[in-house]
Amino acid sequence: MPAIYQYREYAAAGGLISYGASLNDSYRQVGVYAGRVLKGEKPADLPVMRATKFELVINLKTAKALGLTIPPGVLAIADEVIE
């Protein structure tokens, strides 16, 4: 059954498509926050941040196994295509 997942790891493990926030970027933001707190800033004074980088990952091997054709325009905008 075709499905779209939130994290790229699902597409890498055989899922059809994933679209969601980049975990690497989110972890980097956590590190920046931790650094600011360790330097003495109060956590209550820090702004709320949200993800700014999103990734579209398409697994063509899974699409082929399901008999699906991904349009070339969608492949062109994908951040990663797994073949």
PDB file of N, CA and C in Angstrom:
ATOM      1  N   MET A   1       0.840  -1.174   0.000  1.00  0.00           N
ATOM      2  CA  MET A   1       0.000   0.000   0.000  1.00  0.00           C
ATOM      3  C   MET A   1       0.893   1.248   0.000  1.00  0.00           C
ATOM      4  N   PRO A   2       0.736   2.115  -0.973  1.00  0.00           N
ATOM      5  CA  PRO A   2       1.565   3.330  -1.030  1.00  0.00           C
ATOM      6  C   PRO A   2       1.283   4.238   0.164  1.00  0.00           C
ATOM      7  N   ALA A   3       2.323   4.809   0.714  1.00  0.00           N
ATOM      8  CA  ALA A   3       2.166   5.708   1.854  1.00  0.00           C
ATOM      9  C   ALA A   3       3.242   6.786   1.819  1.00  0.00           C
ATOM     10  N   ILE A   4       2.948   7.891   2.453  1.00  0.00           N
ATOM     11  CA  ILE A   4       3.913   8.980   2.598  1.00  0.00           C
ATOM     12  C   ILE A   4       4.251   9.072   4.081  1.00  0.00           C
ATOM     13  N   TYR A   5       5.534   9.112   4.367  1.00  0.00           N
ATOM     14  CA  TYR A   5       6.005   9.113   5.742  1.00  0.00           C
ATOM     15  C   TYR A   5       6.584  10.475   6.110  1.00  0.00           C
ATOM     16  N   GLN A   6       6.821  10.669   7.396  1.00  0.00           N
ATOM     17  CA  GLN A   6       7.307  11.944   7.895  1.00  0.00           C
ATOM     18  C   GLN A   6       8.835  12.066   7.824  1.00  0.00           C
ATOM     19  N   TYR A   7       9.543  10.979   8.002  1.00  0.00           N
ATOM     20  CA  TYR A   7      11.000  11.040   8.079  1.00  0.00           C
ATOM     21  C   TYR A   7      11.639  10.281   6.923  1.00  0.00           C
ATOM     22  N   ARG A   8      12.782  10.772   6.455  1.00  0.00           N
ATOM     23  CA  ARG A   8      13.471  10.192   5.307  1.00  0.00           C
ATOM     24  C   ARG A   8      13.908   8.750   5.563  1.00  0.00           C
ATOM     25  N   GLU A   9      14.123   8.395   6.807  1.00  0.00           N
ATOM     26  CA  GLU A   9      14.559   7.041   7.137  1.00  0.00           C
ATOM     27  C   GLU A   9      13.544   5.992   6.696  1.00  0.00           C
ATOM     28  N   TYR A  10      12.261   6.345   6.711  1.00  0.00           N
ATOM     29  CA  TYR A  10      11.233   5.407   6.263  1.00  0.00           C
ATOM     30  C   TYR A  10      11.347   5.147   4.766  1.00  0.00           C
ATOM     31  N   ALA A  11      11.581   6.183   3.993  1.00  0.00           N
ATOM     32  CA  ALA A  11      11.748   6.000   2.550  1.00  0.00           C
ATOM     33  C   ALA A  11      13.033   5.217   2.270  1.00  0.00           C
ATOM     34  N   ALA A  12      14.063   5.484   3.025  1.00  0.00           N
ATOM     35  CA  ALA A  12      15.323   4.761   2.839  1.00  0.00           C
ATOM     36  C   ALA A  12      15.166   3.278   3.183  1.00  0.00           C
ATOM     37  N   ALA A  13      14.228   2.968   4.088  1.00  0.00           N
ATOM     38  CA  ALA A  13      14.012   1.581   4.491  1.00  0.00           C
ATOM     39  C   ALA A  13      13.016   0.852   3.598  1.00  0.00           C
ATOM     40  N   GLY A  14      12.502   1.533   2.570  1.00  0.00           N
ATOM     41  CA  GLY A  14      11.600   0.865   1.643  1.00  0.00           C
ATOM     42  C   GLY A  14      10.253   1.528   1.464  1.00  0.00           C
ATOM     43  N   GLY A  15       9.991   2.601   2.198  1.00  0.00           N
ATOM     44  CA  GLY A  15       8.738   3.331   2.029  1.00  0.00           C
ATOM     45  C   GLY A  15       8.723   4.056   0.695  1.00  0.00           C
ATOM     46  N   LEU A  16       7.568   4.441   0.227  1.00  0.00           N
ATOM     47  CA  LEU A  16       7.445   5.078  -1.080  1.00  0.00           C
ATOM     48  C   LEU A  16       7.977   6.508  -1.080  1.00  0.00           C
ATOM     49  N   ILE A  17       7.434   7.352  -0.230  1.00  0.00           N
ATOM     50  CA  ILE A  17       7.806   8.777  -0.212  1.00  0.00           C
ATOM     51  C   ILE A  17       7.853   9.252   1.235  1.00  0.00           C
ATOM     52  N   SER A  18       8.759  10.176   1.501  1.00  0.00           N
ATOM     53  CA  SER A  18       8.737  10.852   2.796  1.00  0.00           C
ATOM     54  C   SER A  18       8.848  12.346   2.561  1.00  0.00           C
ATOM     55  N   TYR A  19       8.128  13.091   3.367  1.00  0.00           N
ATOM     56  CA  TYR A  19       8.201  14.548   3.329  1.00  0.00           C
ATOM     57  C   TYR A  19       8.039  15.046   4.746  1.00  0.00           C
ATOM     58  N   GLY A  20       9.061  15.723   5.229  1.00  0.00           N
ATOM     59  CA  GLY A  20       8.995  16.231   6.593  1.00  0.00           C
ATOM     60  C   GLY A  20      10.242  17.008   6.948  1.00  0.00           C
ATOM     61  N   ALA A  21      10.272  17.465   8.161  1.00  0.00           N
ATOM     62  CA  ALA A  21      11.402  18.252   8.644  1.00  0.00           C
ATOM     63  C   ALA A  21      12.673  17.413   8.635  1.00  0.00           C
ATOM     64  N   SER A  22      13.770  18.062   8.315  1.00  0.00           N
ATOM     65  CA  SER A  22      15.074  17.402   8.329  1.00  0.00           C
ATOM     66  C   SER A  22      15.492  17.160   9.776  1.00  0.00           C
ATOM     67  N   LEU A  23      15.696  15.894  10.133  1.00  0.00           N
ATOM     68  CA  LEU A  23      16.124  15.589  11.503  1.00  0.00           C
ATOM     69  C   LEU A  23      17.510  16.147  11.784  1.00  0.00           C
ATOM     70  N   ASN A  24      18.392  16.115  10.792  1.00  0.00           N
ATOM     71  CA  ASN A  24      19.733  16.666  10.998  1.00  0.00           C
ATOM     72  C   ASN A  24      19.658  18.149  11.343  1.00  0.00           C
ATOM     73  N   ASP A  25      18.817  18.893  10.643  1.00  0.00           N
ATOM     74  CA  ASP A  25      18.667  20.318  10.921  1.00  0.00           C
ATOM     75  C   ASP A  25      18.032  20.534  12.296  1.00  0.00           C
ATOM     76  N   SER A  26      17.060  19.699  12.652  1.00  0.00           N
ATOM     77  CA  SER A  26      16.422  19.817  13.963  1.00  0.00           C
ATOM     78  C   SER A  26      17.420  19.546  15.088  1.00  0.00           C
ATOM     79  N   TYR A  27      18.257  18.538  14.911  1.00  0.00           N
ATOM     80  CA  TYR A  27      19.280  18.243  15.920  1.00  0.00           C
ATOM     81  C   TYR A  27      20.277  19.394  16.038  1.00  0.00           C
ATOM     82  N   ARG A  28      20.591  20.022  14.924  1.00  0.00           N
ATOM     83  CA  ARG A  28      21.501  21.170  14.955  1.00  0.00           C
ATOM     84  C   ARG A  28      20.878  22.300  15.760  1.00  0.00           C
ATOM     85  N   GLN A  29      19.579  22.550  15.549  1.00  0.00           N
ATOM     86  CA  GLN A  29      18.889  23.600  16.296  1.00  0.00           C
ATOM     87  C   GLN A  29      18.867  23.298  17.792  1.00  0.00           C
ATOM     88  N   VAL A  30      18.701  22.038  18.160  1.00  0.00           N
ATOM     89  CA  VAL A  30      18.738  21.655  19.575  1.00  0.00           C
ATOM     90  C   VAL A  30      20.109  21.967  20.164  1.00  0.00           C
ATOM     91  N   GLY A  31      21.155  21.692  19.400  1.00  0.00           N
ATOM     92  CA  GLY A  31      22.510  21.997  19.862  1.00  0.00           C
ATOM     93  C   GLY A  31      22.733  23.482  20.061  1.00  0.00           C
ATOM     94  N   VAL A  32      22.192  24.296  19.161  1.00  0.00           N
ATOM     95  CA  VAL A  32      22.311  25.746  19.298  1.00  0.00           C
ATOM     96  C   VAL A  32      21.586  26.217  20.561  1.00  0.00           C
ATOM     97  N   TYR A  33      20.386  25.692  20.779  1.00  0.00           N
ATOM     98  CA  TYR A  33      19.635  26.034  21.993  1.00  0.00           C
ATOM     99  C   TYR A  33      20.401  25.642  23.240  1.00  0.00           C
ATOM    100  N   ALA A  34      20.922  24.419  23.261  1.00  0.00           N
ATOM    101  CA  ALA A  34      21.673  23.950  24.427  1.00  0.00           C
ATOM    102  C   ALA A  34      22.881  24.840  24.671  1.00  0.00           C
ATOM    103  N   GLY A  35      23.553  25.225  23.612  1.00  0.00           N
ATOM    104  CA  GLY A  35      24.707  26.115  23.740  1.00  0.00           C
ATOM    105  C   GLY A  35      24.331  27.456  24.335  1.00  0.00           C
ATOM    106  N   ARG A  36      23.205  27.992  23.917  1.00  0.00           N
ATOM    107  CA  ARG A  36      22.758  29.275  24.459  1.00  0.00           C
ATOM    108  C   ARG A  36      22.430  29.164  25.945  1.00  0.00           C
ATOM    109  N   VAL A  37      21.803  28.060  26.351  1.00  0.00           N
ATOM    110  CA  VAL A  37      21.479  27.858  27.765  1.00  0.00           C
ATOM    111  C   VAL A  37      22.763  27.691  28.568  1.00  0.00           C
ATOM    112  N   LEU A  38      23.717  26.932  28.044  1.00  0.00           N
ATOM    113  CA  LEU A  38      24.984  26.724  28.750  1.00  0.00           C
ATOM    114  C   LEU A  38      25.796  28.010  28.874  1.00  0.00           C
ATOM    115  N   LYS A  39      25.565  28.950  27.970  1.00  0.00           N
ATOM    116  CA  LYS A  39      26.262  30.245  28.042  1.00  0.00           C
ATOM    117  C   LYS A  39      25.569  31.215  28.983  1.00  0.00           C
ATOM    118  N   GLY A  40      24.430  30.794  29.586  1.00  0.00           N
ATOM    119  CA  GLY A  40      23.804  31.611  30.611  1.00  0.00           C
ATOM    120  C   GLY A  40      22.455  32.205  30.258  1.00  0.00           C
ATOM    121  N   GLU A  41      21.968  32.014  29.047  1.00  0.00           N
ATOM    122  CA  GLU A  41      20.654  32.561  28.709  1.00  0.00           C
ATOM    123  C   GLU A  41      19.566  31.758  29.429  1.00  0.00           C
ATOM    124  N   LYS A  42      18.506  32.448  29.781  1.00  0.00           N
ATOM    125  CA  LYS A  42      17.394  31.780  30.447  1.00  0.00           C
ATOM    126  C   LYS A  42      16.527  31.090  29.395  1.00  0.00           C
ATOM    127  N   PRO A  43      16.186  29.822  29.612  1.00  0.00           N
ATOM    128  CA  PRO A  43      15.341  29.101  28.641  1.00  0.00           C
ATOM    129  C   PRO A  43      14.019  29.815  28.353  1.00  0.00           C
ATOM    130  N   ALA A  44      13.452  30.473  29.355  1.00  0.00           N
ATOM    131  CA  ALA A  44      12.176  31.175  29.166  1.00  0.00           C
ATOM    132  C   ALA A  44      12.319  32.364  28.223  1.00  0.00           C
ATOM    133  N   ASP A  45      13.539  32.881  28.073  1.00  0.00           N
ATOM    134  CA  ASP A  45      13.762  34.040  27.212  1.00  0.00           C
ATOM    135  C   ASP A  45      14.070  33.652  25.765  1.00  0.00           C
ATOM    136  N   LEU A  46      14.288  32.367  25.520  1.00  0.00           N
ATOM    137  CA  LEU A  46      14.611  31.922  24.162  1.00  0.00           C
ATOM    138  C   LEU A  46      13.348  31.849  23.312  1.00  0.00           C
ATOM    139  N   PRO A  47      13.451  32.225  22.050  1.00  0.00           N
ATOM    140  CA  PRO A  47      12.269  32.169  21.184  1.00  0.00           C
ATOM    141  C   PRO A  47      11.912  30.725  20.832  1.00  0.00           C
ATOM    142  N   VAL A  48      10.649  30.516  20.537  1.00  0.00           N
ATOM    143  CA  VAL A  48      10.201  29.213  20.065  1.00  0.00           C
ATOM    144  C   VAL A  48      10.626  29.081  18.613  1.00  0.00           C
ATOM    145  N   MET A  49      11.256  27.985  18.277  1.00  0.00           N
ATOM    146  CA  MET A  49      11.710  27.778  16.898  1.00  0.00           C
ATOM    147  C   MET A  49      10.964  26.595  16.310  1.00  0.00           C
ATOM    148  N   ARG A  50      10.837  26.613  15.005  1.00  0.00           N
ATOM    149  CA  ARG A  50      10.224  25.488  14.309  1.00  0.00           C
ATOM    150  C   ARG A  50      11.118  25.106  13.145  1.00  0.00           C
ATOM    151  N   ALA A  51      10.846  23.985  12.576  1.00  0.00           N
ATOM    152  CA  ALA A  51      11.669  23.490  11.470  1.00  0.00           C
ATOM    153  C   ALA A  51      11.622  24.473  10.303  1.00  0.00           C
ATOM    154  N   THR A  52      12.769  24.641   9.665  1.00  0.00           N
ATOM    155  CA  THR A  52      12.839  25.529   8.505  1.00  0.00           C
ATOM    156  C   THR A  52      13.262  24.775   7.250  1.00  0.00           C
ATOM    157  N   LYS A  53      13.796  23.581   7.437  1.00  0.00           N
ATOM    158  CA  LYS A  53      14.251  22.800   6.288  1.00  0.00           C
ATOM    159  C   LYS A  53      13.429  21.515   6.205  1.00  0.00           C
ATOM    160  N   PHE A  54      12.803  21.311   5.065  1.00  0.00           N
ATOM    161  CA  PHE A  54      11.994  20.118   4.832  1.00  0.00           C
ATOM    162  C   PHE A  54      12.588  19.329   3.670  1.00  0.00           C
ATOM    163  N   GLU A  55      12.453  18.012   3.721  1.00  0.00           N
ATOM    164  CA  GLU A  55      13.037  17.142   2.696  1.00  0.00           C
ATOM    165  C   GLU A  55      11.957  16.282   2.052  1.00  0.00           C
ATOM    166  N   LEU A  56      12.041  16.171   0.741  1.00  0.00           N
ATOM    167  CA  LEU A  56      11.187  15.263  -0.019  1.00  0.00           C
ATOM    168  C   LEU A  56      12.078  14.146  -0.541  1.00  0.00           C
ATOM    169  N   VAL A  57      11.798  12.914  -0.131  1.00  0.00           N
ATOM    170  CA  VAL A  57      12.588  11.755  -0.535  1.00  0.00           C
ATOM    171  C   VAL A  57      11.652  10.764  -1.219  1.00  0.00           C
ATOM    172  N   ILE A  58      12.056  10.301  -2.408  1.00  0.00           N
ATOM    173  CA  ILE A  58      11.242   9.369  -3.182  1.00  0.00           C
ATOM    174  C   ILE A  58      12.044   8.099  -3.413  1.00  0.00           C
ATOM    175  N   ASN A  59      11.417   6.962  -3.149  1.00  0.00           N
ATOM    176  CA  ASN A  59      12.055   5.676  -3.360  1.00  0.00           C
ATOM    177  C   ASN A  59      11.505   5.080  -4.665  1.00  0.00           C
ATOM    178  N   LEU A  60      12.294   5.187  -5.742  1.00  0.00           N
ATOM    179  CA  LEU A  60      11.852   4.692  -7.051  1.00  0.00           C
ATOM    180  C   LEU A  60      11.775   3.172  -7.101  1.00  0.00           C
ATOM    181  N   LYS A  61      12.604   2.511  -6.323  1.00  0.00           N
ATOM    182  CA  LYS A  61      12.569   1.047  -6.290  1.00  0.00           C
ATOM    183  C   LYS A  61      11.208   0.575  -5.772  1.00  0.00           C
ATOM    184  N   THR A  62      10.715   1.205  -4.720  1.00  0.00           N
ATOM    185  CA  THR A  62       9.398   0.860  -4.174  1.00  0.00           C
ATOM    186  C   THR A  62       8.292   1.233  -5.152  1.00  0.00           C
ATOM    187  N   ALA A  63       8.420   2.398  -5.789  1.00  0.00           N
ATOM    188  CA  ALA A  63       7.415   2.817  -6.772  1.00  0.00           C
ATOM    189  C   ALA A  63       7.312   1.809  -7.898  1.00  0.00           C
ATOM    190  N   LYS A  64       8.450   1.327  -8.373  1.00  0.00           N
ATOM    191  CA  LYS A  64       8.455   0.340  -9.451  1.00  0.00           C
ATOM    192  C   LYS A  64       7.807  -0.967  -8.991  1.00  0.00           C
ATOM    193  N   ALA A  65       8.122  -1.383  -7.760  1.00  0.00           N
ATOM    194  CA  ALA A  65       7.546  -2.625  -7.229  1.00  0.00           C
ATOM    195  C   ALA A  65       6.026  -2.527  -7.094  1.00  0.00           C
ATOM    196  N   LEU A  66       5.513  -1.310  -6.850  1.00  0.00           N
ATOM    197  CA  LEU A  66       4.074  -1.100  -6.723  1.00  0.00           C
ATOM    198  C   LEU A  66       3.403  -0.797  -8.065  1.00  0.00           C
ATOM    199  N   GLY A  67       4.224  -0.682  -9.117  1.00  0.00           N
ATOM    200  CA  GLY A  67       3.686  -0.374 -10.435  1.00  0.00           C
ATOM    201  C   GLY A  67       3.283   1.081 -10.594  1.00  0.00           C
ATOM    202  N   LEU A  68       3.921   1.965  -9.832  1.00  0.00           N
ATOM    203  CA  LEU A  68       3.598   3.382  -9.887  1.00  0.00           C
ATOM    204  C   LEU A  68       4.634   4.144 -10.700  1.00  0.00           C
ATOM    205  N   THR A  69       4.191   5.173 -11.381  1.00  0.00           N
ATOM    206  CA  THR A  69       5.086   6.052 -12.117  1.00  0.00           C
ATOM    207  C   THR A  69       5.072   7.419 -11.444  1.00  0.00           C
ATOM    208  N   ILE A  70       6.233   7.879 -11.036  1.00  0.00           N
ATOM    209  CA  ILE A  70       6.358   9.189 -10.407  1.00  0.00           C
ATOM    210  C   ILE A  70       6.609  10.205 -11.524  1.00  0.00           C
ATOM    211  N   PRO A  71       5.805  11.257 -11.611  1.00  0.00           N
ATOM    212  CA  PRO A  71       5.983  12.254 -12.670  1.00  0.00           C
ATOM    213  C   PRO A  71       7.376  12.899 -12.613  1.00  0.00           C
ATOM    214  N   PRO A  72       7.959  13.190 -13.788  1.00  0.00           N
ATOM    215  CA  PRO A  72       9.292  13.803 -13.819  1.00  0.00           C
ATOM    216  C   PRO A  72       9.374  15.120 -13.054  1.00  0.00           C
ATOM    217  N   GLY A  73       8.300  15.896 -13.050  1.00  0.00           N
ATOM    218  CA  GLY A  73       8.300  17.160 -12.305  1.00  0.00           C
ATOM    219  C   GLY A  73       8.461  16.956 -10.816  1.00  0.00           C
ATOM    220  N   VAL A  74       7.869  15.883 -10.281  1.00  0.00           N
ATOM    221  CA  VAL A  74       7.994  15.581  -8.856  1.00  0.00           C
ATOM    222  C   VAL A  74       9.405  15.087  -8.563  1.00  0.00           C
ATOM    223  N   LEU A  75       9.944  14.274  -9.447  1.00  0.00           N
ATOM    224  CA  LEU A  75      11.327  13.803  -9.265  1.00  0.00           C
ATOM    225  C   LEU A  75      12.313  14.969  -9.294  1.00  0.00           C
ATOM    226  N   ALA A  76      12.021  15.975 -10.115  1.00  0.00           N
ATOM    227  CA  ALA A  76      12.924  17.121 -10.242  1.00  0.00           C
ATOM    228  C   ALA A  76      12.989  17.949  -8.964  1.00  0.00           C
ATOM    229  N   ILE A  77      11.902  18.014  -8.223  1.00  0.00           N
ATOM    230  CA  ILE A  77      11.909  18.836  -7.012  1.00  0.00           C
ATOM    231  C   ILE A  77      12.288  18.043  -5.760  1.00  0.00           C
ATOM    232  N   ALA A  78      12.457  16.733  -5.896  1.00  0.00           N
ATOM    233  CA  ALA A  78      12.821  15.905  -4.741  1.00  0.00           C
ATOM    234  C   ALA A  78      14.229  16.238  -4.265  1.00  0.00           C
ATOM    235  N   ASP A  79      14.413  16.222  -2.960  1.00  0.00           N
ATOM    236  CA  ASP A  79      15.735  16.437  -2.385  1.00  0.00           C
ATOM    237  C   ASP A  79      16.625  15.216  -2.570  1.00  0.00           C
ATOM    238  N   GLU A  80      15.995  14.035  -2.575  1.00  0.00           N
ATOM    239  CA  GLU A  80      16.732  12.786  -2.762  1.00  0.00           C
ATOM    240  C   GLU A  80      15.838  11.777  -3.463  1.00  0.00           C
ATOM    241  N   VAL A  81      16.414  11.082  -4.421  1.00  0.00           N
ATOM    242  CA  VAL A  81      15.711  10.009  -5.127  1.00  0.00           C
ATOM    243  C   VAL A  81      16.503   8.729  -4.906  1.00  0.00           C
ATOM    244  N   ILE A  82      15.880   7.741  -4.304  1.00  0.00           N
ATOM    245  CA  ILE A  82      16.523   6.459  -4.037  1.00  0.00           C
ATOM    246  C   ILE A  82      16.178   5.522  -5.184  1.00  0.00           C
ATOM    247  N   GLU A  83      17.214   5.020  -5.853  1.00  0.00           N
ATOM    248  CA  GLU A  83      16.977   4.142  -7.015  1.00  0.00           C
ATOM    249  C   GLU A  83      17.340   2.718  -6.713  1.00  0.00           C
TER     250      GLU A  83
END
